[in-house]
Every structure is written in C-alpha cells, then in structure tokens.
C-alpha cells in the first residue's frame, strides 16, 4: 500500500477495507502491532511531545482521522483515500468482525458504558464476539498494579483486537507501553467511541461529520472541556498547513521526495 508523508507523519493511504486487510494479515500472522488514527490534535501534540513521537515511530499503521487532514492532503496534491476514524470502525467493519468471529476486547470509559455499548452493538451484529471489557480507574496509566491486572486480563482473554478508549494521547501511549506484554495482534485507540455507541454522548449528525464540522458539535456539547483544544491548540493547524505547503513546494522544486516521517514499518 502507498504512503503519504505530510507534517512529518507517514500516513497509510487506506480506506476502511484496506485497514481491514491490514488487520486480517496481522491476526492471521499472530504478530503484534497497533494502529493510530491521526487527527489534527495529534499533529499539534506531535510538535513537542517526544514520547508521542516515539509512539508514532513504532506504529504498524497510521490512518487519517479527520476531514481537515483529508483536505490538506488534496491541497498538497497527495490525496488520501478516506477519513478512517476509530468512532466509525463498527459502523464500517462491524459486520466483518462478526463474520470473521474476531475476538474483541473493550478497554475504557466509565463503569457501565462498555456494557451498554456491547448491548447496542449486539442488537446490530448478534454474532459479534466480544470476549471482555474493563473500565479503568482515573489515572490508571500511573498505577503499576492496575496495569499489570489489565495485561493479565488481556493475556487470559486472548482477543484478536483490543479497542482502547481513554482519550488521546493517553490511550496511544498506554498501548505503546504495553502492547508487547499482552501480545494482542491489533491494538487501536478509539477515543469516545464507547460513549457514542452506548448513547451516553450523542455524536454529530452525518452532515457535520462529512463536512468537517464534527469538532464544532463536540465543542457545543462539552465547551468547558474542549474549548482550549479546538479554539486555541488546534487553530495552529492553519499555520502548520502553510509551512507544510512551503516545505512540499521546496522538495518538489529540488526534485527530492525524501520520506522521513514518523512511522516504523514500511512493508
């Protein structure tokens, strides 16, 4: 599969079917890797967060999660196929997960939320094979005993895919620190997906998702928590896009296409 390098990140040019093929291969091989769904907030954090940069450099696959990144790829004449977000995974691939009988594990959200999400998913995909779930305590990533407990749970459940929904970049860093210990073929951070599926948080209408205004919907729902992220931090993306355009223009003029973005695997 081809890759698109922008903002010092090597994006895999995947749509959902390509991502499913990647998952199929890793599960068949029983190798261990993780998938990153990169959005604008990730790009902003990557500028200064050295640990997050290491997480990106070791990723098995990096997909674009957000219409601004898709638009940027087109502006830079490196068009990505599709927005591939963690919150759309079950809508797009739930039937495939069910038919393949992949064993799934949900890690994240408050007590009761994963159970409700599972109940709602089972109504749509009755054959979905969910082998476990766990709602970690606040600050669990700093608690060695709880982390060891989670690793043991995953080793015992032996899922094919673990979905981690504790927010970015916490979920990605936690996966990076532990995925080789619990040896699950696929790990992926899914943010607020369990909240959306359970109905505890209402997701933006499809028209807002498709037009890139899902951020505005989320801001309106949780202004206290999200205003700084969307109105201050993520506004830097406009500056980053301008700088990236200049960088790509210079590379094209010099006739170089050096791939030095963040990601480890090039197969």
C-alpha atoms as a PDB file:
ATOM      1  CA  UNK A   1       0.000   0.000   0.000  1.00  0.00           C
ATOM      2  CA  UNK A   2       1.161   3.545  -0.744  1.00  0.00           C
ATOM      3  CA  UNK A   3       2.029   6.096   1.901  1.00  0.00           C
ATOM      4  CA  UNK A   4       1.579   9.841   2.045  1.00  0.00           C
ATOM      5  CA  UNK A   5       4.071  11.880   4.054  1.00  0.00           C
ATOM      6  CA  UNK A   6       2.753  15.150   5.490  1.00  0.00           C
ATOM      7  CA  UNK A   7       3.506  17.061   8.672  1.00  0.00           C
ATOM      8  CA  UNK A   8       6.393  14.615   9.277  1.00  0.00           C
ATOM      9  CA  UNK A   9       3.928  11.727   9.563  1.00  0.00           C
ATOM     10  CA  UNK A  10       3.806   8.742   7.194  1.00  0.00           C
ATOM     11  CA  UNK A  11       0.095   8.179   6.590  1.00  0.00           C
ATOM     12  CA  UNK A  12      -1.003   4.846   5.165  1.00  0.00           C
ATOM     13  CA  UNK A  13      -3.301   5.649   2.249  1.00  0.00           C
ATOM     14  CA  UNK A  14      -6.043   3.333   3.499  1.00  0.00           C
ATOM     15  CA  UNK A  15      -9.787   3.257   3.262  1.00  0.00           C
ATOM     16  CA  UNK A  16     -11.722   1.030   5.679  1.00  0.00           C
ATOM     17  CA  UNK A  17     -11.345  -2.069   3.502  1.00  0.00           C
ATOM     18  CA  UNK A  18      -7.585  -1.541   3.329  1.00  0.00           C
ATOM     19  CA  UNK A  19      -7.497  -1.242   7.106  1.00  0.00           C
ATOM     20  CA  UNK A  20      -9.496  -4.469   7.406  1.00  0.00           C
ATOM     21  CA  UNK A  21      -6.969  -6.210   5.144  1.00  0.00           C
ATOM     22  CA  UNK A  22      -4.153  -4.956   7.394  1.00  0.00           C
ATOM     23  CA  UNK A  23      -5.980  -6.325  10.439  1.00  0.00           C
ATOM     24  CA  UNK A  24      -6.662  -9.646   8.704  1.00  0.00           C
ATOM     25  CA  UNK A  25      -2.976 -10.084   7.916  1.00  0.00           C
ATOM     26  CA  UNK A  26      -1.763  -9.278  11.428  1.00  0.00           C
ATOM     27  CA  UNK A  27      -4.358 -11.537  13.034  1.00  0.00           C
ATOM     28  CA  UNK A  28      -3.523 -14.378  10.650  1.00  0.00           C
ATOM     29  CA  UNK A  29       0.200 -13.990  11.396  1.00  0.00           C
ATOM     30  CA  UNK A  30      -0.424 -13.516  15.153  1.00  0.00           C
ATOM     31  CA  UNK A  31       2.046 -10.628  15.071  1.00  0.00           C
ATOM     32  CA  UNK A  32       1.579  -7.690  17.425  1.00  0.00           C
ATOM     33  CA  UNK A  33       1.114  -4.123  16.260  1.00  0.00           C
ATOM     34  CA  UNK A  34      -1.073  -1.090  16.793  1.00  0.00           C
ATOM     35  CA  UNK A  35      -2.987   1.333  14.617  1.00  0.00           C
ATOM     36  CA  UNK A  36      -3.024   5.106  15.104  1.00  0.00           C
ATOM     37  CA  UNK A  37      -5.932   7.254  13.930  1.00  0.00           C
ATOM     38  CA  UNK A  38      -4.243  10.611  13.439  1.00  0.00           C
ATOM     39  CA  UNK A  39      -6.300  13.788  13.776  1.00  0.00           C
ATOM     40  CA  UNK A  40      -5.394  17.477  13.963  1.00  0.00           C
ATOM     41  CA  UNK A  41      -4.990  17.312  17.735  1.00  0.00           C
ATOM     42  CA  UNK A  42      -2.406  14.540  17.311  1.00  0.00           C
ATOM     43  CA  UNK A  43      -0.452  16.661  14.829  1.00  0.00           C
ATOM     44  CA  UNK A  44      -0.382  19.595  17.233  1.00  0.00           C
ATOM     45  CA  UNK A  45       0.807  17.417  20.125  1.00  0.00           C
ATOM     46  CA  UNK A  46       3.457  15.719  17.981  1.00  0.00           C
ATOM     47  CA  UNK A  47       5.291  19.018  17.549  1.00  0.00           C
ATOM     48  CA  UNK A  48       6.595  18.987  21.130  1.00  0.00           C
ATOM     49  CA  UNK A  49       5.737  15.626  22.710  1.00  0.00           C
ATOM     50  CA  UNK A  50       8.824  13.436  22.292  1.00  0.00           C
ATOM     51  CA  UNK A  51       7.142  10.367  23.813  1.00  0.00           C
ATOM     52  CA  UNK A  52       4.215  10.726  21.409  1.00  0.00           C
ATOM     53  CA  UNK A  53       6.715  10.914  18.550  1.00  0.00           C
ATOM     54  CA  UNK A  54       8.128   7.559  19.663  1.00  0.00           C
ATOM     55  CA  UNK A  55       4.611   6.115  19.709  1.00  0.00           C
ATOM     56  CA  UNK A  56       4.174   7.216  16.104  1.00  0.00           C
ATOM     57  CA  UNK A  57       7.561   5.900  15.007  1.00  0.00           C
ATOM     58  CA  UNK A  58       6.655   2.359  16.123  1.00  0.00           C
ATOM     59  CA  UNK A  59       3.102   2.204  14.708  1.00  0.00           C
ATOM     60  CA  UNK A  60       2.013  -0.624  12.442  1.00  0.00           C
ATOM     61  CA  UNK A  61      -0.374   1.655  10.539  1.00  0.00           C
ATOM     62  CA  UNK A  62      -1.309   5.339  10.655  1.00  0.00           C
ATOM     63  CA  UNK A  63      -4.599   6.486   9.142  1.00  0.00           C
ATOM     64  CA  UNK A  64      -6.139   9.939   8.753  1.00  0.00           C
ATOM     65  CA  UNK A  65      -8.921  10.634  11.251  1.00  0.00           C
ATOM     66  CA  UNK A  66     -10.420  13.972  10.295  1.00  0.00           C
ATOM     67  CA  UNK A  67     -11.607  15.835   7.236  1.00  0.00           C
ATOM     68  CA  UNK A  68      -9.057  18.670   7.727  1.00  0.00           C
ATOM     69  CA  UNK A  69      -6.267  16.142   7.123  1.00  0.00           C
ATOM     70  CA  UNK A  70      -8.042  14.784   4.043  1.00  0.00           C
ATOM     71  CA  UNK A  71      -8.478  18.325   2.705  1.00  0.00           C
ATOM     72  CA  UNK A  72      -4.831  19.117   3.475  1.00  0.00           C
ATOM     73  CA  UNK A  73      -3.711  16.036   1.531  1.00  0.00           C
ATOM     74  CA  UNK A  74      -5.659  17.247  -1.506  1.00  0.00           C
ATOM     75  CA  UNK A  75      -4.302  20.786  -1.208  1.00  0.00           C
ATOM     76  CA  UNK A  76      -0.787  19.344  -1.093  1.00  0.00           C
ATOM     77  CA  UNK A  77      -1.592  17.122  -4.102  1.00  0.00           C
ATOM     78  CA  UNK A  78      -1.100  13.969  -2.056  1.00  0.00           C
ATOM     79  CA  UNK A  79      -4.740  12.884  -1.790  1.00  0.00           C
ATOM     80  CA  UNK A  80      -5.643  10.372   0.888  1.00  0.00           C
ATOM     81  CA  UNK A  81      -8.471   7.958   0.055  1.00  0.00           C
ATOM     82  CA  UNK A  82     -10.758   8.341   3.027  1.00  0.00           C
ATOM     83  CA  UNK A  83     -11.189   9.570   6.575  1.00  0.00           C
ATOM     84  CA  UNK A  84     -10.726   6.475   8.751  1.00  0.00           C
ATOM     85  CA  UNK A  85     -11.801   7.238  12.302  1.00  0.00           C
ATOM     86  CA  UNK A  86     -11.962   4.969  15.324  1.00  0.00           C
ATOM     87  CA  UNK A  87     -15.516   6.089  16.023  1.00  0.00           C
ATOM     88  CA  UNK A  88     -16.618   4.779  12.594  1.00  0.00           C
ATOM     89  CA  UNK A  89     -14.962   1.373  12.885  1.00  0.00           C
ATOM     90  CA  UNK A  90     -18.011  -0.607  13.946  1.00  0.00           C
ATOM     91  CA  UNK A  91     -20.351   1.118  11.513  1.00  0.00           C
ATOM     92  CA  UNK A  92     -17.970   0.257   8.676  1.00  0.00           C
ATOM     93  CA  UNK A  93     -16.410  -3.019   9.812  1.00  0.00           C
ATOM     94  CA  UNK A  94     -18.743  -4.443  12.471  1.00  0.00           C
ATOM     95  CA  UNK A  95     -20.243  -6.990  10.093  1.00  0.00           C
ATOM     96  CA  UNK A  96     -16.768  -8.106   9.000  1.00  0.00           C
ATOM     97  CA  UNK A  97     -15.640  -8.508  12.623  1.00  0.00           C
ATOM     98  CA  UNK A  98     -18.761 -10.574  13.327  1.00  0.00           C
ATOM     99  CA  UNK A  99     -18.500 -12.808  10.253  1.00  0.00           C
ATOM    100  CA  UNK A 100     -14.813 -13.493  10.941  1.00  0.00           C
ATOM    101  CA  UNK A 101     -15.621 -14.161  14.606  1.00  0.00           C
ATOM    102  CA  UNK A 102     -12.736 -11.983  15.688  1.00  0.00           C
ATOM    103  CA  UNK A 103     -12.406 -11.855  19.457  1.00  0.00           C
ATOM    104  CA  UNK A 104     -12.752  -8.259  20.670  1.00  0.00           C
ATOM    105  CA  UNK A 105     -11.920  -6.580  23.978  1.00  0.00           C
ATOM    106  CA  UNK A 106     -13.095  -3.122  25.095  1.00  0.00           C
ATOM    107  CA  UNK A 107     -10.873  -1.114  27.437  1.00  0.00           C
ATOM    108  CA  UNK A 108     -12.065   2.318  28.530  1.00  0.00           C
ATOM    109  CA  UNK A 109     -14.935   4.624  29.523  1.00  0.00           C
ATOM    110  CA  UNK A 110     -16.729   4.830  32.855  1.00  0.00           C
ATOM    111  CA  UNK A 111     -18.336   1.876  34.619  1.00  0.00           C
ATOM    112  CA  UNK A 112     -21.412   0.655  32.776  1.00  0.00           C
ATOM    113  CA  UNK A 113     -20.607   2.357  29.470  1.00  0.00           C
ATOM    114  CA  UNK A 114     -18.806  -0.573  27.775  1.00  0.00           C
ATOM    115  CA  UNK A 115     -21.613  -2.945  28.818  1.00  0.00           C
ATOM    116  CA  UNK A 116     -24.225  -0.663  27.268  1.00  0.00           C
ATOM    117  CA  UNK A 117     -22.104  -0.250  24.138  1.00  0.00           C
ATOM    118  CA  UNK A 118     -21.818  -4.037  23.847  1.00  0.00           C
ATOM    119  CA  UNK A 119     -25.580  -4.432  24.274  1.00  0.00           C
ATOM    120  CA  UNK A 120     -26.265  -1.916  21.498  1.00  0.00           C
ATOM    121  CA  UNK A 121     -23.698  -3.487  19.172  1.00  0.00           C
ATOM    122  CA  UNK A 122     -25.141  -6.963  19.734  1.00  0.00           C
ATOM    123  CA  UNK A 123     -28.538  -5.685  18.607  1.00  0.00           C
ATOM    124  CA  UNK A 124     -26.974  -4.753  15.254  1.00  0.00           C
ATOM    125  CA  UNK A 125     -24.358  -7.505  14.983  1.00  0.00           C
ATOM    126  CA  UNK A 126     -25.654 -10.504  17.005  1.00  0.00           C
ATOM    127  CA  UNK A 127     -22.624 -12.641  16.149  1.00  0.00           C
ATOM    128  CA  UNK A 128     -20.081 -10.078  17.346  1.00  0.00           C
ATOM    129  CA  UNK A 129     -17.612 -11.928  19.584  1.00  0.00           C
ATOM    130  CA  UNK A 130     -16.722  -9.629  22.497  1.00  0.00           C
ATOM    131  CA  UNK A 131     -14.619 -11.581  24.975  1.00  0.00           C
ATOM    132  CA  UNK A 132     -14.148  -8.959  27.674  1.00  0.00           C
ATOM    133  CA  UNK A 133     -14.271  -5.355  28.809  1.00  0.00           C
ATOM    134  CA  UNK A 134     -12.781  -3.230  31.566  1.00  0.00           C
ATOM    135  CA  UNK A 135     -13.322   0.326  32.796  1.00  0.00           C
ATOM    136  CA  UNK A 136     -10.031   1.563  34.280  1.00  0.00           C
ATOM    137  CA  UNK A 137      -9.850   3.933  37.224  1.00  0.00           C
ATOM    138  CA  UNK A 138      -8.908   7.590  36.879  1.00  0.00           C
ATOM    139  CA  UNK A 139      -5.150   7.880  36.411  1.00  0.00           C
ATOM    140  CA  UNK A 140      -4.804   4.131  35.853  1.00  0.00           C
ATOM    141  CA  UNK A 141      -1.873   4.622  33.492  1.00  0.00           C
ATOM    142  CA  UNK A 142       0.264   5.599  36.516  1.00  0.00           C
ATOM    143  CA  UNK A 143      -0.835   2.636  38.653  1.00  0.00           C
ATOM    144  CA  UNK A 144       1.504  -0.305  38.155  1.00  0.00           C
ATOM    145  CA  UNK A 145      -0.751  -2.829  39.892  1.00  0.00           C
ATOM    146  CA  UNK A 146      -3.802  -1.942  37.785  1.00  0.00           C
ATOM    147  CA  UNK A 147      -1.767  -2.006  34.580  1.00  0.00           C
ATOM    148  CA  UNK A 148      -0.476  -5.464  35.447  1.00  0.00           C
ATOM    149  CA  UNK A 149      -4.060  -6.550  36.110  1.00  0.00           C
ATOM    150  CA  UNK A 150      -5.184  -5.281  32.682  1.00  0.00           C
ATOM    151  CA  UNK A 151      -2.293  -7.052  30.964  1.00  0.00           C
ATOM    152  CA  UNK A 152      -3.240 -10.307  32.724  1.00  0.00           C
ATOM    153  CA  UNK A 153      -6.869  -9.875  31.662  1.00  0.00           C
ATOM    154  CA  UNK A 154      -5.826  -9.455  28.040  1.00  0.00           C
ATOM    155  CA  UNK A 155      -3.467 -12.423  28.125  1.00  0.00           C
ATOM    156  CA  UNK A 156      -6.244 -14.569  29.576  1.00  0.00           C
ATOM    157  CA  UNK A 157      -8.950 -13.339  27.158  1.00  0.00           C
ATOM    158  CA  UNK A 158      -6.657 -13.691  24.107  1.00  0.00           C
ATOM    159  CA  UNK A 159      -8.542 -11.205  21.913  1.00  0.00           C
ATOM    160  CA  UNK A 160      -7.647 -10.559  18.296  1.00  0.00           C
ATOM    161  CA  UNK A 161      -8.304  -6.825  18.661  1.00  0.00           C
ATOM    162  CA  UNK A 162      -8.281  -4.583  21.729  1.00  0.00           C
ATOM    163  CA  UNK A 163     -10.052  -1.218  21.460  1.00  0.00           C
ATOM    164  CA  UNK A 164      -8.727   1.349  23.941  1.00  0.00           C
ATOM    165  CA  UNK A 165     -10.943   4.353  24.616  1.00  0.00           C
ATOM    166  CA  UNK A 166      -9.384   6.584  27.272  1.00  0.00           C
ATOM    167  CA  UNK A 167      -8.608   9.685  25.205  1.00  0.00           C
ATOM    168  CA  UNK A 168      -5.542  10.857  23.309  1.00  0.00           C
ATOM    169  CA  UNK A 169      -2.650  10.776  23.734  1.00  0.00           C
ATOM    170  CA  UNK A 170      -3.135   8.671  26.882  1.00  0.00           C
ATOM    171  CA  UNK A 171      -4.588   5.686  25.006  1.00  0.00           C
ATOM    172  CA  UNK A 172      -1.850   5.659  22.377  1.00  0.00           C
ATOM    173  CA  UNK A 173       0.914   5.963  24.980  1.00  0.00           C
ATOM    174  CA  UNK A 174      -0.634   3.203  27.082  1.00  0.00           C
ATOM    175  CA  UNK A 175      -0.794   0.897  24.079  1.00  0.00           C
ATOM    176  CA  UNK A 176       2.835   1.698  23.212  1.00  0.00           C
ATOM    177  CA  UNK A 177       3.956   0.855  26.753  1.00  0.00           C
ATOM    178  CA  UNK A 178       2.050  -2.432  26.994  1.00  0.00           C
ATOM    179  CA  UNK A 179       1.213  -3.982  23.597  1.00  0.00           C
ATOM    180  CA  UNK A 180       4.258  -6.251  23.569  1.00  0.00           C
ATOM    181  CA  UNK A 181       3.345  -7.511  27.047  1.00  0.00           C
ATOM    182  CA  UNK A 182      -0.217  -8.590  26.323  1.00  0.00           C
ATOM    183  CA  UNK A 183       0.565  -9.821  22.781  1.00  0.00           C
ATOM    184  CA  UNK A 184      -2.710  -8.992  21.036  1.00  0.00           C
ATOM    185  CA  UNK A 185      -2.413  -8.823  17.215  1.00  0.00           C
ATOM    186  CA  UNK A 186      -4.191  -5.459  16.874  1.00  0.00           C
ATOM    187  CA  UNK A 187      -4.494  -2.587  19.353  1.00  0.00           C
ATOM    188  CA  UNK A 188      -6.232   0.649  18.415  1.00  0.00           C
ATOM    189  CA  UNK A 189      -7.201   3.804  20.289  1.00  0.00           C
ATOM    190  CA  UNK A 190     -10.832   4.746  19.723  1.00  0.00           C
ATOM    191  CA  UNK A 191     -11.379   7.822  21.910  1.00  0.00           C
ATOM    192  CA  UNK A 192     -15.036   8.392  22.776  1.00  0.00           C
ATOM    193  CA  UNK A 193     -16.331   5.503  20.640  1.00  0.00           C
ATOM    194  CA  UNK A 194     -17.805   3.543  23.567  1.00  0.00           C
ATOM    195  CA  UNK A 195     -19.617   6.685  24.736  1.00  0.00           C
ATOM    196  CA  UNK A 196     -21.068   7.211  21.254  1.00  0.00           C
ATOM    197  CA  UNK A 197     -22.176   3.596  20.813  1.00  0.00           C
ATOM    198  CA  UNK A 198     -23.701   3.437  24.302  1.00  0.00           C
ATOM    199  CA  UNK A 199     -25.669   6.613  23.636  1.00  0.00           C
ATOM    200  CA  UNK A 200     -24.242   8.394  26.685  1.00  0.00           C
ATOM    201  CA  UNK A 201     -22.730  11.007  24.347  1.00  0.00           C
ATOM    202  CA  UNK A 202     -24.562  11.981  21.183  1.00  0.00           C
ATOM    203  CA  UNK A 203     -22.422  12.035  18.065  1.00  0.00           C
ATOM    204  CA  UNK A 204     -22.626  14.791  15.472  1.00  0.00           C
ATOM    205  CA  UNK A 205     -25.103  14.370  12.580  1.00  0.00           C
ATOM    206  CA  UNK A 206     -23.645  12.740   9.459  1.00  0.00           C
ATOM    207  CA  UNK A 207     -23.664  16.007   7.526  1.00  0.00           C
ATOM    208  CA  UNK A 208     -21.386  17.600  10.144  1.00  0.00           C
ATOM    209  CA  UNK A 209     -19.081  14.571  10.117  1.00  0.00           C
ATOM    210  CA  UNK A 210     -18.770  14.645   6.330  1.00  0.00           C
ATOM    211  CA  UNK A 211     -18.224  18.402   6.108  1.00  0.00           C
ATOM    212  CA  UNK A 212     -15.574  18.500   8.828  1.00  0.00           C
ATOM    213  CA  UNK A 213     -17.657  20.254  11.484  1.00  0.00           C
ATOM    214  CA  UNK A 214     -17.860  17.402  13.978  1.00  0.00           C
ATOM    215  CA  UNK A 215     -15.431  19.368  16.145  1.00  0.00           C
ATOM    216  CA  UNK A 216     -17.997  22.194  16.435  1.00  0.00           C
ATOM    217  CA  UNK A 217     -20.678  19.745  17.578  1.00  0.00           C
ATOM    218  CA  UNK A 218     -18.383  18.283  20.235  1.00  0.00           C
ATOM    219  CA  UNK A 219     -17.363  21.760  21.377  1.00  0.00           C
ATOM    220  CA  UNK A 220     -21.023  22.724  21.789  1.00  0.00           C
ATOM    221  CA  UNK A 221     -21.642  19.582  23.859  1.00  0.00           C
ATOM    222  CA  UNK A 222     -18.586  19.900  26.109  1.00  0.00           C
ATOM    223  CA  UNK A 223     -17.412  23.549  25.949  1.00  0.00           C
ATOM    224  CA  UNK A 224     -15.596  23.562  29.298  1.00  0.00           C
ATOM    225  CA  UNK A 225     -13.500  20.529  28.459  1.00  0.00           C
ATOM    226  CA  UNK A 226     -12.867  21.144  24.761  1.00  0.00           C
ATOM    227  CA  UNK A 227     -12.737  24.921  24.147  1.00  0.00           C
ATOM    228  CA  UNK A 228      -8.989  25.186  24.650  1.00  0.00           C
ATOM    229  CA  UNK A 229      -8.257  22.204  22.404  1.00  0.00           C
ATOM    230  CA  UNK A 230     -10.394  23.313  19.464  1.00  0.00           C
ATOM    231  CA  UNK A 231     -10.177  27.111  19.651  1.00  0.00           C
ATOM    232  CA  UNK A 232      -6.539  27.563  20.671  1.00  0.00           C
ATOM    233  CA  UNK A 233      -4.375  24.469  20.199  1.00  0.00           C
ATOM    234  CA  UNK A 234      -5.916  23.086  17.011  1.00  0.00           C
ATOM    235  CA  UNK A 235      -6.044  26.511  15.322  1.00  0.00           C
ATOM    236  CA  UNK A 236      -2.271  26.123  14.904  1.00  0.00           C
ATOM    237  CA  UNK A 237      -3.059  23.627  12.157  1.00  0.00           C
ATOM    238  CA  UNK A 238      -3.634  26.517   9.742  1.00  0.00           C
ATOM    239  CA  UNK A 239      -0.066  27.718  10.326  1.00  0.00           C
ATOM    240  CA  UNK A 240       1.236  24.147  10.064  1.00  0.00           C
ATOM    241  CA  UNK A 241      -0.551  23.687   6.746  1.00  0.00           C
ATOM    242  CA  UNK A 242       1.053  26.830   5.347  1.00  0.00           C
ATOM    243  CA  UNK A 243       4.502  25.705   6.451  1.00  0.00           C
ATOM    244  CA  UNK A 244       3.894  22.219   5.036  1.00  0.00           C
ATOM    245  CA  UNK A 245       2.881  23.698   1.677  1.00  0.00           C
ATOM    246  CA  UNK A 246       6.135  25.680   1.543  1.00  0.00           C
ATOM    247  CA  UNK A 247       8.115  22.583   2.528  1.00  0.00           C
ATOM    248  CA  UNK A 248       6.464  20.389  -0.116  1.00  0.00           C
ATOM    249  CA  UNK A 249       6.939  23.095  -2.752  1.00  0.00           C
ATOM    250  CA  UNK A 250      10.668  23.270  -1.993  1.00  0.00           C
ATOM    251  CA  UNK A 251      11.026  19.489  -2.092  1.00  0.00           C
ATOM    252  CA  UNK A 252       9.258  19.337  -5.435  1.00  0.00           C
ATOM    253  CA  UNK A 253      11.388  22.130  -6.863  1.00  0.00           C
ATOM    254  CA  UNK A 254      14.567  20.411  -5.685  1.00  0.00           C
ATOM    255  CA  UNK A 255      13.343  17.121  -7.134  1.00  0.00           C
ATOM    256  CA  UNK A 256      13.536  15.260  -3.820  1.00  0.00           C
ATOM    257  CA  UNK A 257      10.911  13.120  -2.183  1.00  0.00           C
ATOM    258  CA  UNK A 258      12.696  12.083   0.946  1.00  0.00           C
ATOM    259  CA  UNK A 259      10.490  10.029   3.255  1.00  0.00           C
ATOM    260  CA  UNK A 260      11.480  10.922   6.799  1.00  0.00           C
ATOM    261  CA  UNK A 261       8.120  10.911   8.506  1.00  0.00           C
ATOM    262  CA  UNK A 262       7.085   9.221  11.720  1.00  0.00           C
ATOM    263  CA  UNK A 263       6.314   5.509  11.392  1.00  0.00           C
ATOM    264  CA  UNK A 264       8.406   2.393  11.670  1.00  0.00           C
ATOM    265  CA  UNK A 265       7.039  -0.244   9.328  1.00  0.00           C
ATOM    266  CA  UNK A 266       7.334   0.122   5.582  1.00  0.00           C
ATOM    267  CA  UNK A 267       6.060  -3.215   4.395  1.00  0.00           C
END
